[in-house]
Amino acid sequence: MFENLEGKRIPDVTFRTRQNHEWVNLTSEEIFAGKSVVIFSLPGAFTPTCSSSHVPRYNQLVPKFKEQGIDEVICVSVNDAFVMNEWKRAQNADRVTFLPDGNGEFSDGMGLLVGKEDLGFGRRSWRYSMLVRDGVIEKMFIEPEEPGDPFQVSDADTMLTYLDPGCEFPYDVSVFSRDGCPFCVRAKGLLTDAGIEFEELVLNRDYTDRTLRAVSTNTTYPQVFINGQLIGGSDELADWLTKRATRNAA
């Protein structure tokens, strides 16, 4: 069974990073001293669960972590600096710091370096997350020792809920728009003014009209979806935002 290291100091190691095409060594002391840091560690860059769920959600919730006094959110993997930098770019994870644990020294010091030779991975980190304050581990969420690659407790939502049990999670918003559409501009402005982040998909760049017909019976623009629900166009969005403001004021 993996040891829970809450109350203990993190391993004292040096991370070999690449910044602006130069090697930059960062020590544990430099990274963690005097800071509150959330770390999540995973088996490998570009792997399915890590790329589709683990990294994107942490990146999305960084502003919420900042509200809780977290200085930095860090992703650690037993990969070299070049791979980690390319993965960060591919993920558009500009809010998360990617730390390469190339030799597995940090993961080994955590007691969470495991053999993945059956997959051709060699030695990799087990999946976990932790909250570190001034170099001391306050909380750890270690995935259960089960076959495969369990992903049950090291997610961003679990960590954020630990920090703030009553937190309000951000909305997941997608705006289907098209170029030259004034109603699309209005909808995006309404969301921005409300402080709600959104992902914009532009017709014939990110999707086709066939896609819109498949997900919505409406074929006008924009079409706004929030948390899986079709809200509609800019007028319907304005109504939704008004009702939301009324609920929040109650």
Protein backbone atom coordinates (compact mmCIF):
# COMPACT_ATOMS: atom_id res chain seq x y z
CA MET A 1 0.00 0.00 0.00
CA PHE A 2 1.25 3.49 -0.84
CA GLU A 3 2.19 5.61 2.16
CA ASN A 4 0.26 8.80 2.79
CA LEU A 5 2.90 11.47 3.43
CA GLU A 6 0.67 14.16 4.90
CA GLY A 7 2.61 16.29 7.37
CA LYS A 8 5.96 15.46 5.79
CA ARG A 9 8.19 17.55 3.56
CA ILE A 10 8.31 16.97 -0.15
CA PRO A 11 11.42 15.34 -1.67
CA ASP A 12 14.41 17.62 -2.17
CA VAL A 13 15.22 17.22 -5.86
CA THR A 14 16.27 19.28 -8.87
CA PHE A 15 13.98 19.49 -11.89
CA ARG A 16 15.68 19.90 -15.27
CA THR A 17 13.42 22.24 -17.25
CA ARG A 18 13.66 23.98 -20.61
CA GLN A 19 12.77 27.68 -20.76
CA ASN A 20 13.36 29.85 -23.82
CA HIS A 21 15.51 27.09 -25.39
CA GLU A 22 17.82 27.01 -22.35
CA TRP A 23 18.28 24.47 -19.57
CA VAL A 24 17.01 25.82 -16.25
CA ASN A 25 17.43 23.86 -13.03
CA LEU A 26 14.69 24.36 -10.44
CA THR A 27 15.02 22.94 -6.94
CA SER A 28 12.19 21.89 -4.67
CA GLU A 29 13.09 24.79 -2.40
CA GLU A 30 12.74 27.30 -5.25
CA ILE A 31 9.40 25.90 -6.34
CA PHE A 32 7.66 25.36 -3.01
CA ALA A 33 9.20 27.61 -0.35
CA GLY A 34 6.70 30.12 1.01
CA LYS A 35 3.98 29.05 -1.43
CA SER A 36 0.72 27.14 -1.41
CA VAL A 37 0.87 24.73 -4.34
CA VAL A 38 -1.47 22.11 -5.78
CA ILE A 39 0.36 19.27 -7.53
CA PHE A 40 -1.12 16.51 -9.61
CA SER A 41 1.05 13.71 -10.90
CA LEU A 42 0.21 11.24 -13.63
CA PRO A 43 1.64 8.33 -15.61
CA GLY A 44 2.64 10.08 -18.82
CA ALA A 45 2.35 12.96 -21.24
CA PHE A 46 0.00 12.54 -24.20
CA THR A 47 -1.71 9.52 -22.60
CA PRO A 48 -5.53 9.29 -22.84
CA THR A 49 -6.89 10.03 -19.34
CA CYS A 50 -4.14 12.54 -18.61
CA SER A 51 -4.86 14.49 -21.80
CA SER A 52 -8.64 14.23 -21.94
CA SER A 53 -9.53 14.73 -18.28
CA HIS A 54 -6.76 15.31 -15.76
CA VAL A 55 -4.90 18.27 -17.29
CA PRO A 56 -7.85 20.10 -18.94
CA ARG A 57 -9.95 20.25 -15.78
CA TYR A 58 -7.09 21.46 -13.60
CA ASN A 59 -6.29 24.11 -16.21
CA GLN A 60 -9.93 25.22 -16.26
CA LEU A 61 -10.15 25.47 -12.46
CA VAL A 62 -6.90 27.38 -11.83
CA PRO A 63 -8.80 30.67 -11.25
CA LYS A 64 -10.91 28.90 -8.62
CA PHE A 65 -7.75 27.57 -6.95
CA LYS A 66 -6.33 31.09 -6.97
CA GLU A 67 -9.44 32.29 -5.12
CA GLN A 68 -8.53 29.80 -2.38
CA GLY A 69 -5.02 31.24 -2.00
CA ILE A 70 -3.21 28.72 -4.18
CA ASP A 71 -0.14 30.29 -5.78
CA GLU A 72 0.51 27.67 -8.44
CA VAL A 73 -0.94 24.48 -9.92
CA ILE A 74 1.73 22.03 -11.09
CA CYS A 75 1.58 18.92 -13.26
CA VAL A 76 4.37 16.38 -12.68
CA SER A 77 5.16 13.42 -14.93
CA VAL A 78 8.12 11.14 -15.49
CA ASN A 79 8.90 12.63 -18.88
CA ASP A 80 11.71 14.84 -20.14
CA ALA A 81 11.47 18.62 -20.45
CA PHE A 82 11.02 18.59 -24.24
CA VAL A 83 8.04 16.24 -24.05
CA MET A 84 6.44 18.17 -21.19
CA ASN A 85 6.79 21.49 -23.01
CA GLU A 86 5.25 20.09 -26.19
CA TRP A 87 2.43 18.49 -24.23
CA LYS A 88 1.67 21.78 -22.46
CA ARG A 89 1.43 23.49 -25.86
CA ALA A 90 -0.76 20.75 -27.31
CA GLN A 91 -3.09 20.96 -24.31
CA ASN A 92 -3.29 24.78 -24.39
CA ALA A 93 -2.75 24.48 -20.64
CA ASP A 94 -1.33 27.94 -20.14
CA ARG A 95 -2.47 28.17 -16.51
CA VAL A 96 -0.68 25.05 -15.28
CA THR A 97 3.07 24.68 -14.68
CA PHE A 98 4.48 21.46 -16.18
CA LEU A 99 7.42 19.97 -14.29
CA PRO A 100 9.48 17.18 -15.89
CA ASP A 101 10.49 14.45 -13.45
CA GLY A 102 12.69 12.92 -16.13
CA ASN A 103 14.63 10.53 -13.92
CA GLY A 104 11.70 9.81 -11.62
CA GLU A 105 13.56 11.18 -8.60
CA PHE A 106 10.64 13.19 -7.25
CA SER A 107 8.15 10.35 -7.80
CA ASP A 108 10.57 7.90 -6.18
CA GLY A 109 10.98 10.21 -3.20
CA MET A 110 7.21 10.30 -2.86
CA GLY A 111 7.17 6.49 -2.81
CA LEU A 112 4.95 6.56 -5.89
CA LEU A 113 7.30 5.45 -8.67
CA VAL A 114 5.81 2.28 -10.14
CA GLY A 115 6.67 -0.17 -12.87
CA LYS A 116 4.71 0.15 -16.12
CA GLU A 117 6.93 -2.22 -18.06
CA ASP A 118 3.89 -4.19 -19.24
CA LEU A 119 2.93 -1.12 -21.30
CA GLY A 120 6.46 -0.37 -22.43
CA PHE A 121 6.54 2.74 -20.22
CA GLY A 122 9.28 1.66 -17.83
CA ARG A 123 9.07 3.38 -14.44
CA ARG A 124 6.35 6.00 -14.08
CA SER A 125 4.49 7.94 -11.41
CA TRP A 126 1.32 6.60 -9.88
CA ARG A 127 -1.59 9.01 -10.27
CA TYR A 128 -2.16 11.31 -7.27
CA SER A 129 -2.67 14.90 -6.22
CA MET A 130 -1.58 16.85 -3.17
CA LEU A 131 -1.72 20.23 -1.50
CA VAL A 132 1.68 21.54 -0.40
CA ARG A 133 2.17 24.57 1.83
CA ASP A 134 5.71 25.90 2.26
CA GLY A 135 7.16 22.53 1.26
CA VAL A 136 5.00 20.50 3.67
CA ILE A 137 2.30 18.14 2.39
CA GLU A 138 -1.05 19.09 3.87
CA LYS A 139 -3.31 16.75 1.92
CA MET A 140 -2.88 13.83 -0.48
CA PHE A 141 -5.33 12.09 -2.76
CA ILE A 142 -3.74 8.85 -3.99
CA GLU A 143 -5.53 6.70 -6.52
CA PRO A 144 -6.41 3.21 -5.23
CA GLU A 145 -4.00 0.39 -5.99
CA GLU A 146 -6.08 -1.30 -8.65
CA PRO A 147 -5.18 -2.77 -12.04
CA GLY A 148 -4.94 -0.34 -14.92
CA ASP A 149 -4.98 3.40 -14.41
CA PRO A 150 -7.63 4.36 -11.83
CA PHE A 151 -8.83 7.96 -11.87
CA GLN A 152 -11.19 8.47 -8.94
CA VAL A 153 -9.78 10.90 -6.36
CA SER A 154 -6.88 12.90 -7.82
CA ASP A 155 -9.10 15.04 -10.05
CA ALA A 156 -9.31 18.83 -9.82
CA ASP A 157 -12.88 18.83 -8.49
CA THR A 158 -11.94 16.70 -5.49
CA MET A 159 -9.02 18.97 -4.61
CA LEU A 160 -11.08 22.13 -5.00
CA THR A 161 -13.86 20.68 -2.85
CA TYR A 162 -11.29 19.91 -0.14
CA LEU A 163 -10.18 23.55 -0.19
CA ASP A 164 -13.71 24.94 -0.33
CA PRO A 165 -16.49 22.41 0.41
CA GLY A 166 -19.15 24.91 -0.67
CA CYS A 167 -17.45 26.09 -3.84
CA GLU A 168 -19.44 26.99 -6.93
CA PHE A 169 -17.91 25.29 -9.94
CA PRO A 170 -17.65 27.25 -13.20
CA TYR A 171 -20.14 26.71 -15.97
CA ASP A 172 -19.15 24.71 -19.04
CA VAL A 173 -20.19 26.95 -21.92
CA SER A 174 -19.91 26.50 -25.68
CA VAL A 175 -20.96 29.10 -28.23
CA PHE A 176 -21.64 27.97 -31.81
CA SER A 177 -21.04 31.11 -33.86
CA ARG A 178 -20.31 32.25 -37.39
CA ASP A 179 -18.24 35.09 -38.80
CA GLY A 180 -20.00 38.43 -39.27
CA CYS A 181 -22.85 37.58 -36.89
CA PRO A 182 -23.85 40.56 -34.67
CA PHE A 183 -25.96 38.34 -32.43
CA CYS A 184 -22.90 36.17 -31.82
CA VAL A 185 -20.95 39.26 -30.80
CA ARG A 186 -23.74 40.19 -28.39
CA ALA A 187 -23.85 36.71 -26.84
CA LYS A 188 -20.11 36.66 -26.29
CA GLY A 189 -20.27 40.12 -24.76
CA LEU A 190 -23.03 39.06 -22.38
CA LEU A 191 -21.00 36.09 -21.18
CA THR A 192 -17.85 38.17 -20.81
CA ASP A 193 -19.69 40.86 -18.84
CA ALA A 194 -21.08 38.15 -16.55
CA GLY A 195 -17.58 36.80 -15.93
CA ILE A 196 -18.38 33.44 -17.51
CA GLU A 197 -15.68 31.76 -19.56
CA PHE A 198 -16.76 30.09 -22.78
CA GLU A 199 -15.41 28.13 -25.71
CA GLU A 200 -16.31 29.50 -29.13
CA LEU A 201 -16.75 27.23 -32.13
CA VAL A 202 -16.84 29.05 -35.48
CA LEU A 203 -18.83 27.74 -38.45
CA ASN A 204 -16.72 26.10 -41.20
CA ARG A 205 -13.62 26.37 -39.02
CA ASP A 206 -14.52 24.25 -36.00
CA TYR A 207 -17.78 22.67 -37.16
CA THR A 208 -20.24 22.50 -40.08
CA ASP A 209 -23.95 23.22 -40.26
CA ARG A 210 -24.47 19.44 -40.15
CA THR A 211 -22.92 19.39 -36.68
CA LEU A 212 -25.24 22.15 -35.48
CA ARG A 213 -28.29 20.33 -36.83
CA ALA A 214 -27.12 17.18 -35.04
CA VAL A 215 -26.94 18.83 -31.62
CA SER A 216 -29.69 21.44 -31.94
CA THR A 217 -32.94 21.73 -33.87
CA ASN A 218 -32.19 25.44 -34.25
CA THR A 219 -30.16 26.60 -37.23
CA THR A 220 -29.79 30.28 -36.34
CA TYR A 221 -26.70 31.83 -34.81
CA PRO A 222 -25.44 31.81 -32.16
CA GLN A 223 -26.45 28.67 -30.31
CA VAL A 224 -25.30 28.67 -26.70
CA PHE A 225 -24.95 25.54 -24.57
CA ILE A 226 -24.40 25.68 -20.81
CA ASN A 227 -23.66 22.55 -18.79
CA GLY A 228 -25.08 20.36 -21.53
CA GLN A 229 -28.29 22.37 -21.88
CA LEU A 230 -29.26 24.27 -25.03
CA ILE A 231 -29.97 27.86 -23.99
CA GLY A 232 -30.50 29.23 -27.51
CA GLY A 233 -29.53 32.53 -29.09
CA SER A 234 -28.50 35.86 -27.63
CA ASP A 235 -32.02 36.78 -26.45
CA GLU A 236 -32.45 33.47 -24.66
CA LEU A 237 -29.00 33.85 -23.15
CA ALA A 238 -29.89 37.33 -21.87
CA ASP A 239 -33.01 35.87 -20.21
CA TRP A 240 -30.96 33.04 -18.67
CA LEU A 241 -28.41 35.50 -17.27
CA THR A 242 -31.18 37.68 -15.81
CA LYS A 243 -32.73 34.70 -14.04
CA ARG A 244 -29.30 33.64 -12.79
CA ALA A 245 -28.67 37.09 -11.35
CA THR A 246 -32.07 37.02 -9.63
CA ARG A 247 -31.33 33.62 -8.08
CA ASN A 248 -27.92 34.76 -6.87
CA ALA A 249 -29.41 37.88 -5.30
CA ALA A 250 -32.11 35.93 -3.45
